[in-house]
Amino acid sequence: MAGDKQPVRVAILTGAAGGIGQATALTLAREGWRLILTDRDEVRLSALRSAILDAGADVSFVAGDVSQEQDVARFVRHAVELHGRLDGFVCNAGIPGVVRPLVDYPGDVFRRVLEVNVSGTFHCLQQGLPALLASGGGSFVAMGSTSSIRGRANLAAYVASKHAVLGLVRTAALEHVGSGVRVNAVLPGPTQTAMIDAIDGMAAELPHGGRAIQRAVASPRGSPQDVANTVAFLLSPMASHMNGSALIVDGGSTLA
């Protein structure tokens, strides 16, 4: 009926200050979601929040690091205390590490990539799923990569971490069958973001061993909006029968 209020939908988005994060935040805001944006970059986070507020959407932000369990618990607590519920969780935060042959890969960098990409996803699942259940159900979306399903030379930490993210998604999805909570992943290919530009720059400094990665990042790139649209779909009722899925958004590059 005309005048009926739309149901309140509340979502947390990590890694909101990056290219895919910003596109996702703006997309969800246009669809009426109440957003809690999180990132380590408080300056860019604040600017994004201002842009969304100017568009008339309901948004707040909490700076923090997904590799820290207490920070993720704080994100969830903020959402529930502010809005009384949690309906969506987009685990988007991630870092690429360095471009280096595996035998030369710095151990400290390897560990940090796994802390952010794998432990960060684990913390988001462990803290977010109970809140989604308490709200009567909801959708959790993790940001994987086409590196979740293929190898890439000279990106040992990133590839290992994104394989692990998909494993966590599939495990959580099976554990929540029939609960009203769905857990899915989006697997972008090379996308027009600062991260892929950084990988491209590092690859260009390698000798012949970097050619494979240079070819990959030189392939046609999608836009952050392509990924954001897929995230929005997985959060929506249109994806109500999707659980444990891994939606590839790469223009067909993994078919080659």
C-alpha atoms as a PDB file:
ATOM      1  CA  MET A   1       0.000   0.000   0.000  1.00  0.00           C
ATOM      2  CA  ALA A   2       1.096   3.562  -0.654  1.00  0.00           C
ATOM      3  CA  GLY A   3       2.710   5.054   2.401  1.00  0.00           C
ATOM      4  CA  ASP A   4       3.835   1.708   3.844  1.00  0.00           C
ATOM      5  CA  LYS A   5       7.289   1.949   5.324  1.00  0.00           C
ATOM      6  CA  GLN A   6      10.032  -0.164   3.837  1.00  0.00           C
ATOM      7  CA  PRO A   7      11.522  -2.608   6.351  1.00  0.00           C
ATOM      8  CA  VAL A   8      14.721  -1.482   8.012  1.00  0.00           C
ATOM      9  CA  ARG A   9      17.756  -3.248   6.574  1.00  0.00           C
ATOM     10  CA  VAL A  10      21.111  -2.806   8.288  1.00  0.00           C
ATOM     11  CA  ALA A  11      24.463  -3.842   6.849  1.00  0.00           C
ATOM     12  CA  ILE A  12      28.113  -3.681   7.864  1.00  0.00           C
ATOM     13  CA  LEU A  13      30.655  -3.108   5.090  1.00  0.00           C
ATOM     14  CA  THR A  14      34.352  -3.607   5.799  1.00  0.00           C
ATOM     15  CA  GLY A  15      37.070  -2.179   3.578  1.00  0.00           C
ATOM     16  CA  ALA A  16      34.643   0.592   2.682  1.00  0.00           C
ATOM     17  CA  ALA A  17      37.293   3.161   1.756  1.00  0.00           C
ATOM     18  CA  GLY A  18      38.652   1.179  -1.214  1.00  0.00           C
ATOM     19  CA  GLY A  19      37.366   1.254  -4.773  1.00  0.00           C
ATOM     20  CA  ILE A  20      35.024  -1.745  -4.511  1.00  0.00           C
ATOM     21  CA  GLY A  21      34.042  -0.702  -0.989  1.00  0.00           C
ATOM     22  CA  GLN A  22      33.030   2.795  -2.036  1.00  0.00           C
ATOM     23  CA  ALA A  23      31.026   1.541  -5.010  1.00  0.00           C
ATOM     24  CA  THR A  24      29.285  -1.010  -2.791  1.00  0.00           C
ATOM     25  CA  ALA A  25      28.495   1.561  -0.109  1.00  0.00           C
ATOM     26  CA  LEU A  26      26.945   3.965  -2.602  1.00  0.00           C
ATOM     27  CA  THR A  27      24.963   1.165  -4.275  1.00  0.00           C
ATOM     28  CA  LEU A  28      23.546  -0.137  -1.007  1.00  0.00           C
ATOM     29  CA  ALA A  29      22.747   3.396   0.150  1.00  0.00           C
ATOM     30  CA  ARG A  30      20.713   3.973  -3.015  1.00  0.00           C
ATOM     31  CA  GLU A  31      18.819   0.755  -2.252  1.00  0.00           C
ATOM     32  CA  GLY A  32      17.850   1.995   1.190  1.00  0.00           C
ATOM     33  CA  TRP A  33      20.253   0.077   3.413  1.00  0.00           C
ATOM     34  CA  ARG A  34      21.335   1.605   6.692  1.00  0.00           C
ATOM     35  CA  LEU A  35      25.100   1.252   6.631  1.00  0.00           C
ATOM     36  CA  ILE A  36      27.927   0.880   9.097  1.00  0.00           C
ATOM     37  CA  LEU A  37      31.126   1.506   7.162  1.00  0.00           C
ATOM     38  CA  THR A  38      34.464   0.271   8.470  1.00  0.00           C
ATOM     39  CA  ASP A  39      38.058   0.667   7.339  1.00  0.00           C
ATOM     40  CA  ARG A  40      41.485   1.494   8.718  1.00  0.00           C
ATOM     41  CA  ASP A  41      41.587   4.702   6.630  1.00  0.00           C
ATOM     42  CA  GLU A  42      39.513   7.024   8.776  1.00  0.00           C
ATOM     43  CA  VAL A  43      40.004  10.064   6.507  1.00  0.00           C
ATOM     44  CA  ARG A  44      38.642   8.387   3.368  1.00  0.00           C
ATOM     45  CA  LEU A  45      35.948   6.708   5.452  1.00  0.00           C
ATOM     46  CA  SER A  46      34.764  10.061   6.758  1.00  0.00           C
ATOM     47  CA  ALA A  47      34.651  11.514   3.236  1.00  0.00           C
ATOM     48  CA  LEU A  48      32.595   8.561   1.999  1.00  0.00           C
ATOM     49  CA  ARG A  49      30.209   8.901   4.926  1.00  0.00           C
ATOM     50  CA  SER A  50      29.699  12.588   4.072  1.00  0.00           C
ATOM     51  CA  ALA A  51      28.906  11.749   0.447  1.00  0.00           C
ATOM     52  CA  ILE A  52      26.330   9.175   1.491  1.00  0.00           C
ATOM     53  CA  LEU A  53      24.759  11.505   4.053  1.00  0.00           C
ATOM     54  CA  ASP A  54      24.498  14.201   1.380  1.00  0.00           C
ATOM     55  CA  ALA A  55      22.510  11.702  -0.691  1.00  0.00           C
ATOM     56  CA  GLY A  56      20.046  11.349   2.182  1.00  0.00           C
ATOM     57  CA  ALA A  57      20.999   7.854   3.350  1.00  0.00           C
ATOM     58  CA  ASP A  58      21.528   6.618   6.900  1.00  0.00           C
ATOM     59  CA  VAL A  59      25.191   5.844   7.508  1.00  0.00           C
ATOM     60  CA  SER A  60      27.777   5.762  10.279  1.00  0.00           C
ATOM     61  CA  PHE A  61      31.376   4.625  10.361  1.00  0.00           C
ATOM     62  CA  VAL A  62      33.676   2.843  12.774  1.00  0.00           C
ATOM     63  CA  ALA A  63      37.406   2.829  12.067  1.00  0.00           C
ATOM     64  CA  GLY A  64      39.212  -0.427  12.765  1.00  0.00           C
ATOM     65  CA  ASP A  65      41.181  -3.415  11.515  1.00  0.00           C
ATOM     66  CA  VAL A  66      39.436  -6.678  10.602  1.00  0.00           C
ATOM     67  CA  SER A  67      42.518  -8.655  11.624  1.00  0.00           C
ATOM     68  CA  GLN A  68      41.758  -7.630  15.211  1.00  0.00           C
ATOM     69  CA  GLU A  69      38.910  -9.644  16.716  1.00  0.00           C
ATOM     70  CA  GLN A  70      38.013  -6.915  19.197  1.00  0.00           C
ATOM     71  CA  ASP A  71      37.596  -4.392  16.384  1.00  0.00           C
ATOM     72  CA  VAL A  72      35.198  -6.646  14.481  1.00  0.00           C
ATOM     73  CA  ALA A  73      33.224  -7.272  17.671  1.00  0.00           C
ATOM     74  CA  ARG A  74      32.998  -3.494  18.047  1.00  0.00           C
ATOM     75  CA  PHE A  75      31.638  -3.107  14.483  1.00  0.00           C
ATOM     76  CA  VAL A  76      28.863  -5.599  15.191  1.00  0.00           C
ATOM     77  CA  ARG A  77      28.074  -4.162  18.601  1.00  0.00           C
ATOM     78  CA  HIS A  78      27.810  -0.676  17.094  1.00  0.00           C
ATOM     79  CA  ALA A  79      25.343  -1.872  14.445  1.00  0.00           C
ATOM     80  CA  VAL A  80      23.113  -3.700  16.916  1.00  0.00           C
ATOM     81  CA  GLU A  81      23.178  -0.932  19.530  1.00  0.00           C
ATOM     82  CA  LEU A  82      22.425   1.736  16.923  1.00  0.00           C
ATOM     83  CA  HIS A  83      19.776  -0.062  14.869  1.00  0.00           C
ATOM     84  CA  GLY A  84      18.701  -3.056  16.960  1.00  0.00           C
ATOM     85  CA  ARG A  85      19.499  -5.580  14.231  1.00  0.00           C
ATOM     86  CA  LEU A  86      21.895  -6.742  11.514  1.00  0.00           C
ATOM     87  CA  ASP A  87      20.643  -7.990   8.140  1.00  0.00           C
ATOM     88  CA  GLY A  88      23.739  -7.936   5.954  1.00  0.00           C
ATOM     89  CA  PHE A  89      27.488  -8.218   6.357  1.00  0.00           C
ATOM     90  CA  VAL A  90      29.890  -7.518   3.490  1.00  0.00           C
ATOM     91  CA  CYS A  91      33.399  -8.692   4.351  1.00  0.00           C
ATOM     92  CA  ASN A  92      35.336  -6.718   1.744  1.00  0.00           C
ATOM     93  CA  ALA A  93      38.576  -5.692   3.480  1.00  0.00           C
ATOM     94  CA  GLY A  94      41.706  -7.198   1.979  1.00  0.00           C
ATOM     95  CA  ILE A  95      45.314  -6.510   1.012  1.00  0.00           C
ATOM     96  CA  PRO A  96      47.416  -7.884  -1.872  1.00  0.00           C
ATOM     97  CA  GLY A  97      50.825  -8.342  -0.279  1.00  0.00           C
ATOM     98  CA  VAL A  98      53.787  -8.119  -2.653  1.00  0.00           C
ATOM     99  CA  VAL A  99      54.560  -9.539  -6.083  1.00  0.00           C
ATOM    100  CA  ARG A 100      57.501 -11.870  -5.565  1.00  0.00           C
ATOM    101  CA  PRO A 101      58.442 -15.468  -6.406  1.00  0.00           C
ATOM    102  CA  LEU A 102      57.371 -17.852  -3.657  1.00  0.00           C
ATOM    103  CA  VAL A 103      60.940 -18.774  -2.706  1.00  0.00           C
ATOM    104  CA  ASP A 104      61.719 -15.085  -2.145  1.00  0.00           C
ATOM    105  CA  TYR A 105      58.394 -14.102  -0.562  1.00  0.00           C
ATOM    106  CA  PRO A 106      58.905 -12.219   2.754  1.00  0.00           C
ATOM    107  CA  GLY A 107      57.519 -14.236   5.637  1.00  0.00           C
ATOM    108  CA  ASP A 108      56.282 -11.190   7.536  1.00  0.00           C
ATOM    109  CA  VAL A 109      54.297 -10.005   4.506  1.00  0.00           C
ATOM    110  CA  PHE A 110      52.855 -13.494   3.996  1.00  0.00           C
ATOM    111  CA  ARG A 111      51.654 -13.577   7.598  1.00  0.00           C
ATOM    112  CA  ARG A 112      50.139 -10.096   7.413  1.00  0.00           C
ATOM    113  CA  VAL A 113      48.163 -10.934   4.253  1.00  0.00           C
ATOM    114  CA  LEU A 114      46.735 -14.007   5.959  1.00  0.00           C
ATOM    115  CA  GLU A 115      45.946 -11.991   9.095  1.00  0.00           C
ATOM    116  CA  VAL A 116      43.868  -9.476   7.134  1.00  0.00           C
ATOM    117  CA  ASN A 117      42.350 -11.622   4.401  1.00  0.00           C
ATOM    118  CA  VAL A 118      41.846 -14.936   6.215  1.00  0.00           C
ATOM    119  CA  SER A 119      41.717 -14.139   9.923  1.00  0.00           C
ATOM    120  CA  GLY A 120      39.745 -11.005   9.050  1.00  0.00           C
ATOM    121  CA  THR A 121      37.117 -13.073   7.238  1.00  0.00           C
ATOM    122  CA  PHE A 122      37.090 -15.579  10.104  1.00  0.00           C
ATOM    123  CA  HIS A 123      36.499 -12.794  12.651  1.00  0.00           C
ATOM    124  CA  CYS A 124      33.730 -11.260  10.540  1.00  0.00           C
ATOM    125  CA  LEU A 125      31.980 -14.621  10.218  1.00  0.00           C
ATOM    126  CA  GLN A 126      32.400 -15.496  13.876  1.00  0.00           C
ATOM    127  CA  GLN A 127      31.123 -12.126  15.099  1.00  0.00           C
ATOM    128  CA  GLY A 128      28.602 -11.385  12.361  1.00  0.00           C
ATOM    129  CA  LEU A 129      26.734 -14.666  11.956  1.00  0.00           C
ATOM    130  CA  PRO A 130      25.226 -14.700  15.484  1.00  0.00           C
ATOM    131  CA  ALA A 131      23.933 -11.152  14.962  1.00  0.00           C
ATOM    132  CA  LEU A 132      22.357 -12.121  11.637  1.00  0.00           C
ATOM    133  CA  LEU A 133      20.733 -15.138  13.287  1.00  0.00           C
ATOM    134  CA  ALA A 134      19.447 -12.976  16.149  1.00  0.00           C
ATOM    135  CA  SER A 135      17.766 -10.708  13.591  1.00  0.00           C
ATOM    136  CA  GLY A 136      15.868 -13.634  12.102  1.00  0.00           C
ATOM    137  CA  GLY A 137      18.227 -14.256   9.195  1.00  0.00           C
ATOM    138  CA  GLY A 138      20.313 -12.337   6.723  1.00  0.00           C
ATOM    139  CA  SER A 139      23.061 -12.453   4.155  1.00  0.00           C
ATOM    140  CA  PHE A 140      26.833 -12.583   4.605  1.00  0.00           C
ATOM    141  CA  VAL A 141      28.949 -11.796   1.534  1.00  0.00           C
ATOM    142  CA  ALA A 142      32.714 -12.353   1.515  1.00  0.00           C
ATOM    143  CA  MET A 143      34.997 -10.817  -1.090  1.00  0.00           C
ATOM    144  CA  GLY A 144      37.000 -13.563  -2.696  1.00  0.00           C
ATOM    145  CA  SER A 145      38.774 -13.284  -6.034  1.00  0.00           C
ATOM    146  CA  THR A 146      39.291 -15.310  -9.155  1.00  0.00           C
ATOM    147  CA  SER A 147      42.491 -16.127  -7.242  1.00  0.00           C
ATOM    148  CA  SER A 148      40.175 -18.194  -5.007  1.00  0.00           C
ATOM    149  CA  ILE A 149      39.886 -20.751  -7.814  1.00  0.00           C
ATOM    150  CA  ARG A 150      43.133 -20.462  -9.773  1.00  0.00           C
ATOM    151  CA  GLY A 151      46.858 -19.996  -9.265  1.00  0.00           C
ATOM    152  CA  ARG A 152      48.797 -16.841 -10.039  1.00  0.00           C
ATOM    153  CA  ALA A 153      52.567 -16.741 -10.220  1.00  0.00           C
ATOM    154  CA  ASN A 154      54.321 -14.407  -7.767  1.00  0.00           C
ATOM    155  CA  LEU A 155      51.240 -13.806  -5.577  1.00  0.00           C
ATOM    156  CA  ALA A 156      51.618 -16.644  -3.075  1.00  0.00           C
ATOM    157  CA  ALA A 157      50.084 -14.917  -0.061  1.00  0.00           C
ATOM    158  CA  TYR A 158      47.156 -13.379  -1.934  1.00  0.00           C
ATOM    159  CA  VAL A 159      46.260 -16.590  -3.760  1.00  0.00           C
ATOM    160  CA  ALA A 160      46.562 -18.706  -0.615  1.00  0.00           C
ATOM    161  CA  SER A 161      44.439 -16.238   1.342  1.00  0.00           C
ATOM    162  CA  LYS A 162      41.673 -16.063  -1.244  1.00  0.00           C
ATOM    163  CA  HIS A 163      41.496 -19.862  -1.509  1.00  0.00           C
ATOM    164  CA  ALA A 164      41.069 -19.875   2.273  1.00  0.00           C
ATOM    165  CA  VAL A 165      38.316 -17.230   2.131  1.00  0.00           C
ATOM    166  CA  LEU A 166      36.285 -19.428  -0.196  1.00  0.00           C
ATOM    167  CA  GLY A 167      36.834 -22.406   2.104  1.00  0.00           C
ATOM    168  CA  LEU A 168      35.519 -20.419   5.061  1.00  0.00           C
ATOM    169  CA  VAL A 169      32.459 -19.325   3.055  1.00  0.00           C
ATOM    170  CA  ARG A 170      31.616 -22.881   2.068  1.00  0.00           C
ATOM    171  CA  THR A 171      32.061 -24.132   5.627  1.00  0.00           C
ATOM    172  CA  ALA A 172      29.869 -21.403   7.117  1.00  0.00           C
ATOM    173  CA  ALA A 173      27.225 -21.893   4.420  1.00  0.00           C
ATOM    174  CA  LEU A 174      26.895 -25.592   5.237  1.00  0.00           C
ATOM    175  CA  GLU A 175      26.716 -24.884   8.950  1.00  0.00           C
ATOM    176  CA  HIS A 176      23.804 -22.463   8.430  1.00  0.00           C
ATOM    177  CA  VAL A 177      21.611 -24.352   5.980  1.00  0.00           C
ATOM    178  CA  GLY A 178      17.966 -23.816   6.963  1.00  0.00           C
ATOM    179  CA  SER A 179      18.779 -21.122   9.516  1.00  0.00           C
ATOM    180  CA  GLY A 180      17.697 -18.139   7.421  1.00  0.00           C
ATOM    181  CA  VAL A 181      21.314 -16.990   7.109  1.00  0.00           C
ATOM    182  CA  ARG A 182      23.033 -17.281   3.735  1.00  0.00           C
ATOM    183  CA  VAL A 183      26.799 -17.109   3.197  1.00  0.00           C
ATOM    184  CA  ASN A 184      28.162 -16.462  -0.291  1.00  0.00           C
ATOM    185  CA  ALA A 185      31.250 -15.106  -2.021  1.00  0.00           C
ATOM    186  CA  VAL A 186      31.936 -12.746  -4.898  1.00  0.00           C
ATOM    187  CA  LEU A 187      35.016 -13.524  -6.983  1.00  0.00           C
ATOM    188  CA  PRO A 188      36.116 -10.459  -8.966  1.00  0.00           C
ATOM    189  CA  GLY A 189      38.722 -10.689 -11.673  1.00  0.00           C
ATOM    190  CA  PRO A 190      41.088  -7.750 -12.304  1.00  0.00           C
ATOM    191  CA  THR A 191      39.094  -4.640 -11.425  1.00  0.00           C
ATOM    192  CA  GLN A 192      39.862  -0.957 -11.898  1.00  0.00           C
ATOM    193  CA  THR A 193      41.057  -0.203  -8.372  1.00  0.00           C
ATOM    194  CA  ALA A 194      44.158   1.091  -6.602  1.00  0.00           C
ATOM    195  CA  MET A 195      44.942  -2.485  -5.532  1.00  0.00           C
ATOM    196  CA  ILE A 196      45.246  -3.820  -9.069  1.00  0.00           C
ATOM    197  CA  ASP A 197      47.300  -0.754 -10.044  1.00  0.00           C
ATOM    198  CA  ALA A 198      49.669  -1.525  -7.176  1.00  0.00           C
ATOM    199  CA  ILE A 199      49.970  -5.171  -8.266  1.00  0.00           C
ATOM    200  CA  ASP A 200      50.588  -4.044 -11.847  1.00  0.00           C
ATOM    201  CA  GLY A 201      53.335  -1.688 -10.700  1.00  0.00           C
ATOM    202  CA  MET A 202      55.068  -4.366  -8.632  1.00  0.00           C
ATOM    203  CA  ALA A 203      54.823  -6.880 -11.465  1.00  0.00           C
ATOM    204  CA  ALA A 204      56.440  -4.435 -13.883  1.00  0.00           C
ATOM    205  CA  GLU A 205      59.563  -4.408 -11.688  1.00  0.00           C
ATOM    206  CA  LEU A 206      60.062  -8.165 -11.961  1.00  0.00           C
ATOM    207  CA  PRO A 207      62.163  -9.820 -14.680  1.00  0.00           C
ATOM    208  CA  HIS A 208      60.620 -12.458 -16.974  1.00  0.00           C
ATOM    209  CA  GLY A 209      58.974 -14.181 -13.973  1.00  0.00           C
ATOM    210  CA  GLY A 210      56.450 -11.360 -13.778  1.00  0.00           C
ATOM    211  CA  ARG A 211      55.099 -11.738 -17.279  1.00  0.00           C
ATOM    212  CA  ALA A 212      52.210 -14.022 -16.335  1.00  0.00           C
ATOM    213  CA  ILE A 213      50.899 -11.596 -13.790  1.00  0.00           C
ATOM    214  CA  GLN A 214      51.386  -8.662 -16.115  1.00  0.00           C
ATOM    215  CA  ARG A 215      49.243 -10.429 -18.724  1.00  0.00           C
ATOM    216  CA  ALA A 216      46.568 -11.061 -16.093  1.00  0.00           C
ATOM    217  CA  VAL A 217      46.356  -7.481 -14.893  1.00  0.00           C
ATOM    218  CA  ALA A 218      46.504  -6.191 -18.465  1.00  0.00           C
ATOM    219  CA  SER A 219      43.402  -8.175 -19.425  1.00  0.00           C
ATOM    220  CA  PRO A 220      40.099  -6.254 -19.711  1.00  0.00           C
ATOM    221  CA  ARG A 221      39.197  -4.972 -16.275  1.00  0.00           C
ATOM    222  CA  GLY A 222      35.800  -4.697 -14.732  1.00  0.00           C
ATOM    223  CA  SER A 223      34.623  -1.683 -12.777  1.00  0.00           C
ATOM    224  CA  PRO A 224      34.015  -1.551  -9.027  1.00  0.00           C
ATOM    225  CA  GLN A 225      30.350  -1.030  -9.879  1.00  0.00           C
ATOM    226  CA  ASP A 226      30.225  -4.447 -11.566  1.00  0.00           C
ATOM    227  CA  VAL A 227      31.278  -6.017  -8.268  1.00  0.00           C
ATOM    228  CA  ALA A 228      29.002  -3.788  -6.185  1.00  0.00           C
ATOM    229  CA  ASN A 229      25.975  -4.838  -8.240  1.00  0.00           C
ATOM    230  CA  THR A 230      26.743  -8.492  -7.539  1.00  0.00           C
ATOM    231  CA  VAL A 231      27.126  -7.860  -3.820  1.00  0.00           C
ATOM    232  CA  ALA A 232      23.795  -6.023  -3.760  1.00  0.00           C
ATOM    233  CA  PHE A 233      22.142  -8.959  -5.522  1.00  0.00           C
ATOM    234  CA  LEU A 234      23.474 -11.471  -2.969  1.00  0.00           C
ATOM    235  CA  LEU A 235      22.196  -9.303  -0.128  1.00  0.00           C
ATOM    236  CA  SER A 236      18.745  -9.047  -1.684  1.00  0.00           C
ATOM    237  CA  PRO A 237      15.734 -11.384  -1.497  1.00  0.00           C
ATOM    238  CA  MET A 238      16.333 -12.203  -5.178  1.00  0.00           C
ATOM    239  CA  ALA A 239      19.220 -14.394  -3.997  1.00  0.00           C
ATOM    240  CA  SER A 240      17.182 -16.082  -1.276  1.00  0.00           C
ATOM    241  CA  HIS A 241      18.026 -19.605  -2.501  1.00  0.00           C
ATOM    242  CA  MET A 242      21.740 -18.954  -2.888  1.00  0.00           C
ATOM    243  CA  ASN A 243      23.991 -20.297  -0.149  1.00  0.00           C
ATOM    244  CA  GLY A 244      27.639 -21.276  -0.512  1.00  0.00           C
ATOM    245  CA  SER A 245      27.812 -19.777  -3.995  1.00  0.00           C
ATOM    246  CA  ALA A 246      30.891 -18.174  -5.531  1.00  0.00           C
ATOM    247  CA  LEU A 247      29.822 -15.665  -8.188  1.00  0.00           C
ATOM    248  CA  ILE A 248      32.605 -14.874 -10.660  1.00  0.00           C
ATOM    249  CA  VAL A 249      32.682 -11.279 -11.937  1.00  0.00           C
ATOM    250  CA  ASP A 250      35.524 -11.246 -14.461  1.00  0.00           C
ATOM    251  CA  GLY A 251      34.199 -10.812 -17.987  1.00  0.00           C
ATOM    252  CA  GLY A 252      35.173 -14.376 -18.769  1.00  0.00           C
ATOM    253  CA  SER A 253      38.913 -14.113 -18.013  1.00  0.00           C
ATOM    254  CA  THR A 254      38.974 -17.376 -16.050  1.00  0.00           C
ATOM    255  CA  LEU A 255      37.731 -19.215 -19.131  1.00  0.00           C
ATOM    256  CA  ALA A 256      40.950 -18.567 -21.022  1.00  0.00           C
END
